Amino acid sequence: MQKYLIKDIQVVNEGRIINADVLIKNGRIEKVLSQISQKSTECVEINGRGKYLFPGCIDDQVHFREPGLTHKATIYTEAKAAVAGGVTSFMEMPNTIPPAFTQQLLEDKYVIAANTSLANYSFYMGTSNENADEVLRTNDKRKDVCGIKIFMGASTGNLLVDNPNTLDRIFHQSELLIATHCEDEKIIKENLAKLKTTGKELTAADHPIIRNEDACYESSLYAIQIAKKYGTRLHILHITTEKELQLFTNMIPLKDKRITAEVCVHHLHFTSDDYPGLGNQIKCNPAIKAPHNKEALWKALLDDRLDVIATDHAPHTWEEKNGSYEKAYAGLPLIQHPMLLMLYYYKQGRISLEKIAEKMSHAVADCFQIKERGYIREGYHADLVIVDIQKPHTVSKENLPAGRQGILYKCGWSPLEGMEFPASVTHTFVNGNLVYNNGQWDETSKGQRLRFER
């Protein structure tokens, strides 16, 4: 493998920023020192002066749509977009066609990723009301699978798990982390029926009224109650409400938590005030809600009640997002821009660079017990991102000057289109391979399957 020496760069890692050189050898971080000398014939040298080196982002919630929905996205296209945005590892959801309801279907997705993904990968085992036996077989793969996903609301077909006996059994017997989508389906249906009695035409602005704070809170509370009953390792995805935040603590370190929570970049960025301009583009489940929720989410992120940042990247075609509110699909494509979005808030003084590295890399690795990733440490896999915080980047469908990439999602659009970020991702290393370099690609090496220390 090619050796790389990154010279004179600001290393953002483990709560501090230091100026250092970083040597990459055999896919690993060989050395991090104030100064490293290597013969020019032995390695490729990268001038890092004025730039910042982050551990690669790890996104614990994405929907890459393969198999079965490849008109929207594929593991190849979305992983490539991820790498361009500094995301070097992802964990993908089971709601594909067919859903990942058996061990064989789950392994089939790993085979696709091994052959096509430029980023590192893991896949959640899917649950239904009828497949508890198959789900619990994942206990034998606890070092090789990121977790079990349970849709406790807001899903289609037989992905919704609302049988109390099934939930009780899986929460009791699972040896893996259980990740939940928490929205109370009964409350949602009641809210929808009530709105329809008014006779008004529903729009995207009604989405947070239908999928309101109570629907989220009651479902999250229920999941936590079951988890506490059995001591389950529970991770609640995409928290959206101020009300839910009382359910989480910052009084114990992350490594000791049995119940953790995620916040997504779109819930930190958009509010219900954005529906008039963006409409169905920002329709997602759980819904983007009133501004006071966004402010509460930021506070909880910074005080560690919320543990990790993710995207919930969920691409749909432009046609699927348009039309009437009720027919428009829910979900936003976001995997190419989470780091840049957080750097936008860094420039606004809302979050530090150290906190970005913590919530998008360190904490995700700790939360899921990922082996030898998420930190800039000697001996760890060299999943690294170089950022130029003085080089603006505009989200566009087209490639822009200076080698910057246009939108790479297969769906071809973004709710962030036209937004200028104050920074750019210039280089992304995955397992020591320089996959992305100022708009140029090396796709000769694929990502690796994530492993877990459980």
Protein backbone atom coordinates (compact mmCIF):
# COMPACT_ATOMS: atom_id res chain seq x y z
CA MET A 1 0.00 0.00 0.00
CA GLN A 2 1.05 3.59 -0.59
CA LYS A 3 2.56 5.41 2.38
CA TYR A 4 1.49 9.00 3.08
CA LEU A 5 3.01 11.69 5.25
CA ILE A 6 0.73 14.59 6.16
CA LYS A 7 2.94 17.49 7.22
CA ASP A 8 2.28 20.46 9.48
CA ILE A 9 -1.45 19.95 10.00
CA GLN A 10 -3.79 20.83 12.87
CA VAL A 11 -4.91 17.48 14.31
CA VAL A 12 -8.38 17.59 15.89
CA ASN A 13 -8.61 14.65 18.25
CA GLU A 14 -9.70 13.68 21.76
CA GLY A 15 -10.64 17.13 22.97
CA ARG A 16 -7.65 19.09 21.71
CA ILE A 17 -6.00 20.49 18.61
CA ILE A 18 -2.28 20.03 18.08
CA ASN A 19 0.07 20.82 15.21
CA ALA A 20 1.65 17.57 14.06
CA ASP A 21 2.82 15.33 11.25
CA VAL A 22 0.93 12.10 10.60
CA LEU A 23 2.44 9.05 8.91
CA ILE A 24 0.10 6.52 7.26
CA LYS A 25 1.49 3.06 6.50
CA ASN A 26 -0.16 -0.27 5.64
CA GLY A 27 -3.62 1.20 6.08
CA ARG A 28 -2.93 2.33 9.64
CA ILE A 29 -1.85 5.47 11.46
CA GLU A 30 1.83 4.71 11.97
CA LYS A 31 2.95 7.83 13.83
CA VAL A 32 1.58 11.14 15.12
CA LEU A 33 4.49 13.38 16.10
CA SER A 34 5.44 17.03 16.11
CA GLN A 35 7.83 16.28 13.27
CA ILE A 36 8.34 13.20 11.09
CA SER A 37 11.01 12.85 8.40
CA GLN A 38 10.74 10.40 5.52
CA LYS A 39 12.64 10.09 2.27
CA SER A 40 10.59 11.52 -0.59
CA THR A 41 10.96 8.23 -2.45
CA GLU A 42 9.30 6.31 0.40
CA CYS A 43 5.96 8.07 0.63
CA VAL A 44 3.62 10.70 -0.79
CA GLU A 45 3.85 13.92 1.17
CA ILE A 46 0.79 16.13 1.68
CA ASN A 47 1.19 19.71 2.83
CA GLY A 48 -1.31 20.23 5.63
CA ARG A 49 -0.38 23.79 6.52
CA GLY A 50 -3.45 25.84 7.34
CA LYS A 51 -5.72 22.79 7.24
CA TYR A 52 -7.29 20.50 9.85
CA LEU A 53 -7.18 16.72 10.17
CA PHE A 54 -10.26 14.98 11.60
CA PRO A 55 -10.99 11.33 12.22
CA GLY A 56 -13.39 10.15 9.53
CA CYS A 57 -17.03 10.63 10.39
CA ILE A 58 -19.01 7.50 11.28
CA ASP A 59 -22.69 7.76 10.38
CA ASP A 60 -24.77 5.35 12.44
CA GLN A 61 -27.97 5.79 10.44
CA VAL A 62 -28.28 5.76 6.66
CA HIS A 63 -30.62 4.31 4.04
CA PHE A 64 -28.71 3.34 0.91
CA ARG A 65 -31.72 1.51 -0.64
CA GLU A 66 -29.96 -1.55 -2.04
CA PRO A 67 -31.29 -4.12 -2.77
CA GLY A 68 -34.64 -3.47 -4.37
CA LEU A 69 -34.86 0.32 -4.50
CA THR A 70 -31.86 1.07 -6.67
CA HIS A 71 -33.71 3.65 -8.75
CA LYS A 72 -33.24 5.89 -5.67
CA ALA A 73 -29.72 4.93 -4.62
CA THR A 74 -27.14 2.17 -4.45
CA ILE A 75 -24.51 1.34 -1.88
CA TYR A 76 -21.87 2.42 -4.41
CA THR A 77 -23.36 5.84 -5.22
CA GLU A 78 -24.21 6.83 -1.67
CA ALA A 79 -20.96 5.55 -0.16
CA LYS A 80 -19.09 7.61 -2.75
CA ALA A 81 -21.07 10.69 -1.75
CA ALA A 82 -20.30 9.89 1.87
CA VAL A 83 -16.55 9.77 1.26
CA ALA A 84 -16.63 13.10 -0.61
CA GLY A 85 -18.17 14.59 2.52
CA GLY A 86 -15.73 13.08 5.01
CA VAL A 87 -17.87 10.13 6.11
CA THR A 88 -15.59 7.08 6.10
CA SER A 89 -17.93 4.53 7.74
CA PHE A 90 -21.68 3.99 7.73
CA MET A 91 -24.31 1.74 9.32
CA GLU A 92 -27.23 1.03 7.02
CA MET A 93 -30.87 0.31 7.80
CA PRO A 94 -32.86 -2.86 6.99
CA ASN A 95 -35.85 -1.31 5.18
CA THR A 96 -34.82 -2.39 1.68
CA ILE A 97 -36.67 -4.76 -0.67
CA PRO A 98 -36.61 -7.42 0.59
CA PRO A 99 -36.07 -6.21 4.16
CA ALA A 100 -33.09 -7.70 6.01
CA PHE A 101 -35.27 -10.08 8.04
CA THR A 102 -33.05 -13.18 7.78
CA GLN A 103 -29.38 -13.83 8.39
CA GLN A 104 -28.92 -14.67 4.72
CA LEU A 105 -30.53 -11.43 3.51
CA LEU A 106 -28.38 -9.52 5.96
CA GLU A 107 -25.20 -11.18 4.69
CA ASP A 108 -26.25 -10.50 1.09
CA LYS A 109 -25.96 -6.78 1.82
CA TYR A 110 -22.46 -7.25 3.21
CA VAL A 111 -21.47 -8.97 -0.05
CA ILE A 112 -22.76 -6.03 -2.11
CA ALA A 113 -20.84 -3.59 0.09
CA ALA A 114 -17.63 -5.62 -0.06
CA ASN A 115 -17.74 -5.40 -3.85
CA THR A 116 -18.88 -1.80 -4.29
CA SER A 117 -18.58 0.44 -1.20
CA LEU A 118 -15.77 2.98 -1.04
CA ALA A 119 -16.54 3.53 2.66
CA ASN A 120 -16.44 1.10 5.56
CA TYR A 121 -19.80 -0.47 6.34
CA SER A 122 -22.09 -2.32 8.66
CA PHE A 123 -25.77 -3.27 8.41
CA TYR A 124 -28.52 -3.56 10.99
CA MET A 125 -30.58 -6.71 11.36
CA GLY A 126 -34.24 -5.97 10.67
CA THR A 127 -37.20 -6.89 12.85
CA SER A 128 -40.87 -7.63 12.29
CA ASN A 129 -43.59 -8.91 14.59
CA GLU A 130 -42.86 -12.44 13.33
CA ASN A 131 -39.07 -12.90 13.07
CA ALA A 132 -37.83 -12.78 16.67
CA ASP A 133 -36.12 -16.18 16.40
CA GLU A 134 -34.13 -15.02 13.38
CA VAL A 135 -33.29 -11.69 14.99
CA LEU A 136 -31.89 -13.36 18.09
CA ARG A 137 -29.56 -15.48 15.94
CA THR A 138 -27.65 -12.22 15.44
CA ASN A 139 -26.31 -12.70 18.98
CA ASP A 140 -23.79 -15.08 17.39
CA LYS A 141 -22.57 -12.18 15.19
CA ARG A 142 -22.30 -9.50 17.86
CA LYS A 143 -18.69 -8.74 16.85
CA ASP A 144 -19.65 -8.42 13.18
CA VAL A 145 -23.02 -6.61 13.09
CA CYS A 146 -23.65 -3.07 14.33
CA GLY A 147 -27.02 -3.76 15.90
CA ILE A 148 -30.69 -4.62 15.63
CA LYS A 149 -33.11 -2.04 14.24
CA ILE A 150 -36.68 -1.81 15.51
CA PHE A 151 -39.21 0.51 13.90
CA MET A 152 -41.53 1.28 16.82
CA GLY A 153 -43.60 3.44 14.49
CA ALA A 154 -43.46 5.25 11.17
CA SER A 155 -42.56 2.44 8.83
CA THR A 156 -44.22 0.60 6.00
CA GLY A 157 -45.28 -2.99 5.46
CA ASN A 158 -44.24 -5.46 8.13
CA LEU A 159 -41.30 -3.38 9.40
CA LEU A 160 -43.48 -1.81 12.09
CA VAL A 161 -43.02 -3.77 15.31
CA ASP A 162 -45.94 -3.12 17.67
CA ASN A 163 -46.47 -6.54 19.24
CA PRO A 164 -45.61 -6.14 22.96
CA ASN A 165 -44.57 -9.80 23.24
CA THR A 166 -42.13 -9.50 20.34
CA LEU A 167 -40.64 -6.30 21.73
CA ASP A 168 -40.36 -7.80 25.19
CA ARG A 169 -38.57 -10.89 23.93
CA ILE A 170 -36.07 -9.08 21.74
CA PHE A 171 -35.26 -6.46 24.38
CA HIS A 172 -34.81 -9.24 26.93
CA GLN A 173 -32.64 -11.58 24.91
CA SER A 174 -30.64 -9.43 22.50
CA GLU A 175 -26.90 -9.24 23.18
CA LEU A 176 -26.48 -6.49 20.60
CA LEU A 177 -27.31 -2.81 20.70
CA ILE A 178 -30.95 -2.18 19.76
CA ALA A 179 -31.54 0.98 17.73
CA THR A 180 -35.11 2.26 17.64
CA HIS A 181 -37.19 4.63 15.58
CA CYS A 182 -39.65 5.93 18.17
CA GLU A 183 -42.98 7.42 17.13
CA ASP A 184 -46.34 6.27 18.48
CA GLU A 185 -48.42 5.07 15.55
CA LYS A 186 -51.74 5.43 17.41
CA ILE A 187 -51.12 9.10 18.20
CA ILE A 188 -50.03 9.78 14.61
CA LYS A 189 -53.20 8.22 13.18
CA GLU A 190 -55.40 10.15 15.60
CA ASN A 191 -53.70 13.44 14.70
CA LEU A 192 -54.08 12.75 10.98
CA ALA A 193 -57.75 11.86 11.32
CA LYS A 194 -58.41 15.02 13.33
CA LEU A 195 -56.78 17.23 10.70
CA LYS A 196 -58.71 15.58 7.90
CA THR A 197 -62.02 16.45 9.58
CA THR A 198 -61.24 20.13 8.96
CA GLY A 199 -61.47 19.54 5.21
CA LYS A 200 -58.29 21.53 4.51
CA GLU A 201 -55.72 20.33 2.01
CA LEU A 202 -52.76 18.96 3.91
CA THR A 203 -49.28 20.34 3.23
CA ALA A 204 -45.78 19.64 4.52
CA ALA A 205 -46.37 22.26 7.22
CA ASP A 206 -48.88 19.85 8.77
CA HIS A 207 -46.25 17.12 9.15
CA PRO A 208 -45.04 18.18 12.63
CA ILE A 209 -48.65 18.52 13.75
CA ILE A 210 -49.44 14.96 12.68
CA ARG A 211 -46.15 13.53 13.95
CA ASN A 212 -46.03 15.72 17.01
CA GLU A 213 -44.03 15.90 20.22
CA ASP A 214 -46.33 13.53 22.08
CA ALA A 215 -45.97 10.81 19.43
CA CYS A 216 -42.20 10.93 19.84
CA TYR A 217 -42.14 11.20 23.61
CA GLU A 218 -44.58 8.38 24.34
CA SER A 219 -42.74 5.95 22.05
CA SER A 220 -39.29 6.88 23.38
CA LEU A 221 -40.56 6.53 26.94
CA TYR A 222 -41.97 3.08 26.16
CA ALA A 223 -38.67 1.90 24.64
CA ILE A 224 -36.73 3.17 27.65
CA GLN A 225 -39.09 1.47 30.07
CA ILE A 226 -38.57 -1.90 28.39
CA ALA A 227 -34.81 -1.36 28.19
CA LYS A 228 -34.57 -0.50 31.88
CA LYS A 229 -36.60 -3.59 32.74
CA TYR A 230 -34.00 -5.86 31.13
CA GLY A 231 -30.83 -3.77 31.14
CA THR A 232 -30.92 -3.66 27.34
CA ARG A 233 -28.33 -1.66 25.40
CA LEU A 234 -30.73 0.83 23.75
CA HIS A 235 -29.89 3.57 21.27
CA ILE A 236 -32.77 5.87 20.28
CA LEU A 237 -32.33 7.39 16.85
CA HIS A 238 -33.09 10.93 15.59
CA ILE A 239 -34.40 12.70 18.69
CA THR A 240 -36.44 15.75 17.61
CA THR A 241 -38.22 17.20 20.63
CA GLU A 242 -37.40 19.19 23.73
CA LYS A 243 -39.83 16.99 25.66
CA GLU A 244 -37.84 13.80 24.97
CA LEU A 245 -34.61 15.27 26.32
CA GLN A 246 -35.72 14.76 29.92
CA LEU A 247 -35.40 11.02 29.25
CA PHE A 248 -31.60 11.18 28.82
CA THR A 249 -28.70 11.91 31.15
CA ASN A 250 -25.27 13.50 31.06
CA MET A 251 -24.46 12.46 34.62
CA ILE A 252 -22.49 9.36 33.60
CA PRO A 253 -19.81 8.92 30.92
CA LEU A 254 -20.83 7.53 27.54
CA LYS A 255 -18.93 4.29 28.07
CA ASP A 256 -21.16 3.52 31.06
CA LYS A 257 -24.49 4.44 29.48
CA ARG A 258 -26.98 1.68 28.67
CA ILE A 259 -29.35 4.13 27.00
CA THR A 260 -27.99 6.58 24.42
CA ALA A 261 -29.46 8.99 21.90
CA GLU A 262 -28.71 10.38 18.45
CA VAL A 263 -29.53 13.72 16.85
CA CYS A 264 -29.51 14.28 13.09
CA VAL A 265 -28.03 17.21 11.21
CA HIS A 266 -31.34 18.26 9.62
CA HIS A 267 -33.01 18.57 13.01
CA LEU A 268 -30.11 20.79 14.11
CA HIS A 269 -30.48 22.93 10.98
CA PHE A 270 -34.07 23.18 9.77
CA THR A 271 -37.22 24.12 11.70
CA SER A 272 -40.93 24.22 10.90
CA ASP A 273 -40.32 27.77 9.66
CA ASP A 274 -38.64 26.22 6.61
CA TYR A 275 -41.70 24.32 5.33
CA PRO A 276 -43.12 27.27 3.32
CA GLY A 277 -39.92 27.47 1.27
CA LEU A 278 -38.89 23.81 1.06
CA GLY A 279 -42.17 21.91 1.47
CA ASN A 280 -41.90 18.17 0.89
CA GLN A 281 -38.13 18.42 0.44
CA ILE A 282 -37.80 18.43 4.23
CA LYS A 283 -40.64 16.00 4.94
CA CYS A 284 -39.04 13.29 7.08
CA ASN A 285 -39.89 10.96 9.95
CA PRO A 286 -39.72 12.02 12.71
CA ALA A 287 -40.74 15.46 11.55
CA ILE A 288 -38.73 18.66 11.64
CA LYS A 289 -40.50 20.63 14.35
CA ALA A 290 -40.93 24.11 15.86
CA PRO A 291 -37.81 26.26 16.47
CA HIS A 292 -37.74 25.82 20.25
CA ASN A 293 -37.00 22.12 19.68
CA LYS A 294 -33.96 22.91 17.56
CA GLU A 295 -32.59 25.16 20.29
CA ALA A 296 -33.14 22.46 22.90
CA LEU A 297 -31.43 19.85 20.72
CA TRP A 298 -28.34 22.03 20.36
CA LYS A 299 -28.17 22.55 24.11
CA ALA A 300 -28.52 18.83 24.80
CA LEU A 301 -25.89 17.96 22.18
CA LEU A 302 -23.36 20.29 23.74
CA ASP A 303 -24.05 19.15 27.31
CA ASP A 304 -23.88 15.44 26.30
CA ARG A 305 -27.48 14.35 26.86
CA LEU A 306 -27.41 13.66 23.11
CA ASP A 307 -24.48 11.41 22.33
CA VAL A 308 -23.88 11.31 18.56
CA ILE A 309 -24.64 13.18 15.34
CA ALA A 310 -25.91 11.32 12.25
CA THR A 311 -27.68 12.07 8.97
CA ASP A 312 -30.49 9.51 8.54
CA HIS A 313 -29.63 9.90 4.85
CA ALA A 314 -32.81 8.79 3.05
CA PRO A 315 -32.83 9.55 -0.68
CA HIS A 316 -35.91 9.57 -2.89
CA THR A 317 -36.24 10.67 -6.50
CA TRP A 318 -37.36 14.22 -7.19
CA GLU A 319 -40.63 12.86 -8.54
CA GLU A 320 -41.25 10.88 -5.33
CA LYS A 321 -40.78 14.01 -3.24
CA ASN A 322 -43.16 16.15 -5.24
CA GLY A 323 -46.90 16.14 -5.62
CA SER A 324 -49.38 16.11 -2.75
CA TYR A 325 -48.20 16.00 0.86
CA GLU A 326 -49.73 12.61 1.62
CA LYS A 327 -48.16 10.95 -1.43
CA ALA A 328 -44.70 12.49 -1.02
CA TYR A 329 -42.11 10.13 0.45
CA ALA A 330 -40.46 11.01 3.76
CA GLY A 331 -36.68 11.37 3.91
CA LEU A 332 -33.79 13.70 3.01
CA PRO A 333 -30.49 13.01 1.20
CA LEU A 334 -27.72 14.35 3.44
CA ILE A 335 -24.69 12.02 3.56
CA GLN A 336 -22.40 14.28 1.48
CA HIS A 337 -22.64 17.34 3.72
CA PRO A 338 -22.86 16.57 7.49
CA MET A 339 -19.31 17.64 8.31
CA LEU A 340 -19.62 20.81 6.24
CA LEU A 341 -22.90 21.62 7.94
CA MET A 342 -21.29 21.30 11.36
CA LEU A 343 -18.35 23.44 10.20
CA TYR A 344 -20.91 26.06 9.17
CA TYR A 345 -22.10 26.11 12.79
CA TYR A 346 -18.49 26.16 13.99
CA LYS A 347 -17.96 29.37 12.05
CA GLN A 348 -21.07 30.74 13.73
CA GLY A 349 -19.55 29.98 17.13
CA ARG A 350 -22.10 27.33 18.03
CA ILE A 351 -19.86 24.25 18.25
CA SER A 352 -16.12 23.70 18.54
CA LEU A 353 -13.98 21.66 16.19
CA GLU A 354 -13.17 19.32 19.07
CA LYS A 355 -16.87 18.73 19.71
CA ILE A 356 -17.48 17.98 16.03
CA ALA A 357 -14.81 15.27 16.15
CA GLU A 358 -16.27 13.92 19.37
CA LYS A 359 -19.91 13.70 18.25
CA MET A 360 -19.30 12.54 14.67
CA SER A 361 -16.40 10.14 15.27
CA HIS A 362 -15.21 9.40 18.83
CA ALA A 363 -18.62 9.01 20.44
CA VAL A 364 -20.01 6.88 17.61
CA ALA A 365 -17.07 4.51 17.91
CA ASP A 366 -17.54 4.34 21.67
CA CYS A 367 -21.32 4.00 21.50
CA PHE A 368 -21.15 1.01 19.15
CA GLN A 369 -17.81 -0.33 20.46
CA ILE A 370 -16.26 -0.17 16.99
CA LYS A 371 -12.83 -1.71 16.87
CA GLU A 372 -9.85 0.61 16.16
CA ARG A 373 -11.71 3.43 14.44
CA GLY A 374 -13.08 6.86 15.29
CA TYR A 375 -9.85 8.33 16.70
CA ILE A 376 -6.52 9.58 15.39
CA ARG A 377 -4.42 7.08 17.33
CA GLU A 378 -1.26 5.22 16.38
CA GLY A 379 -2.21 1.70 15.30
CA TYR A 380 -5.79 2.59 14.39
CA HIS A 381 -7.19 2.31 10.87
CA ALA A 382 -6.28 5.43 8.91
CA ASP A 383 -9.80 6.78 8.33
CA LEU A 384 -8.95 10.47 8.08
CA VAL A 385 -10.35 13.68 6.61
CA ILE A 386 -8.51 16.87 5.72
CA VAL A 387 -10.60 20.03 5.85
CA ASP A 388 -9.78 23.51 4.58
CA ILE A 389 -11.87 25.88 6.69
CA GLN A 390 -10.91 28.81 4.48
CA LYS A 391 -12.16 27.28 1.23
CA PRO A 392 -15.91 27.87 0.70
CA HIS A 393 -18.06 25.17 -0.86
CA THR A 394 -21.47 25.68 -2.45
CA VAL A 395 -23.94 22.80 -2.71
CA SER A 396 -24.77 22.42 -6.38
CA LYS A 397 -25.96 19.82 -8.85
CA GLU A 398 -22.98 20.64 -11.04
CA ASN A 399 -19.25 20.41 -10.45
CA LEU A 400 -17.81 23.75 -9.42
CA PRO A 401 -14.36 25.32 -9.97
CA ALA A 402 -11.31 24.21 -7.98
CA GLY A 403 -12.18 20.53 -8.27
CA ARG A 404 -15.19 20.60 -5.97
CA GLN A 405 -17.80 17.92 -6.51
CA GLY A 406 -21.44 18.54 -7.30
CA ILE A 407 -24.17 16.51 -5.63
CA LEU A 408 -23.19 12.84 -5.89
CA TYR A 409 -26.38 11.21 -4.61
CA LYS A 410 -28.09 9.11 -7.23
CA CYS A 411 -31.32 11.05 -6.60
CA GLY A 412 -29.49 14.18 -7.80
CA TRP A 413 -30.92 16.78 -5.42
CA SER A 414 -30.38 18.17 -1.93
CA PRO A 415 -32.46 20.34 0.43
CA LEU A 416 -29.20 22.24 1.01
CA GLU A 417 -28.80 23.18 -2.66
CA GLY A 418 -27.51 26.73 -3.06
CA MET A 419 -26.11 26.89 0.47
CA GLU A 420 -22.51 28.08 0.73
CA PHE A 421 -20.46 26.36 3.39
CA PRO A 422 -17.39 28.17 4.74
CA ALA A 423 -15.17 25.08 4.38
CA SER A 424 -14.37 22.18 2.06
CA VAL A 425 -13.32 18.57 2.44
CA THR A 426 -10.11 18.26 0.43
CA HIS A 427 -8.89 14.70 1.19
CA THR A 428 -10.53 11.57 2.54
CA PHE A 429 -8.56 8.47 3.52
CA VAL A 430 -10.35 5.16 4.05
CA ASN A 431 -8.14 2.45 5.59
CA GLY A 432 -5.08 4.41 4.53
CA ASN A 433 -6.19 4.73 0.91
CA LEU A 434 -6.51 8.27 -0.42
CA VAL A 435 -9.90 7.69 -1.99
CA TYR A 436 -10.86 11.36 -2.45
CA ASN A 437 -8.35 14.07 -3.31
CA ASN A 438 -9.67 17.51 -4.29
CA GLY A 439 -12.29 16.10 -6.63
CA GLN A 440 -10.15 13.24 -7.91
CA TRP A 441 -10.96 9.61 -7.06
CA ASP A 442 -9.03 6.41 -6.48
CA GLU A 443 -11.60 3.61 -6.44
CA THR A 444 -9.15 0.71 -6.62
CA SER A 445 -9.69 -0.21 -2.95
CA LYS A 446 -13.04 -0.83 -1.27
CA GLY A 447 -14.07 -0.19 2.31
CA GLN A 448 -13.96 -2.81 5.05
CA ARG A 449 -16.58 -4.41 7.23
CA LEU A 450 -16.70 -2.77 10.66
CA ARG A 451 -15.83 -4.97 13.62
CA PHE A 452 -17.03 -4.51 17.18
CA GLU A 453 -15.39 -5.14 20.55
CA ARG A 454 -18.26 -6.78 22.42
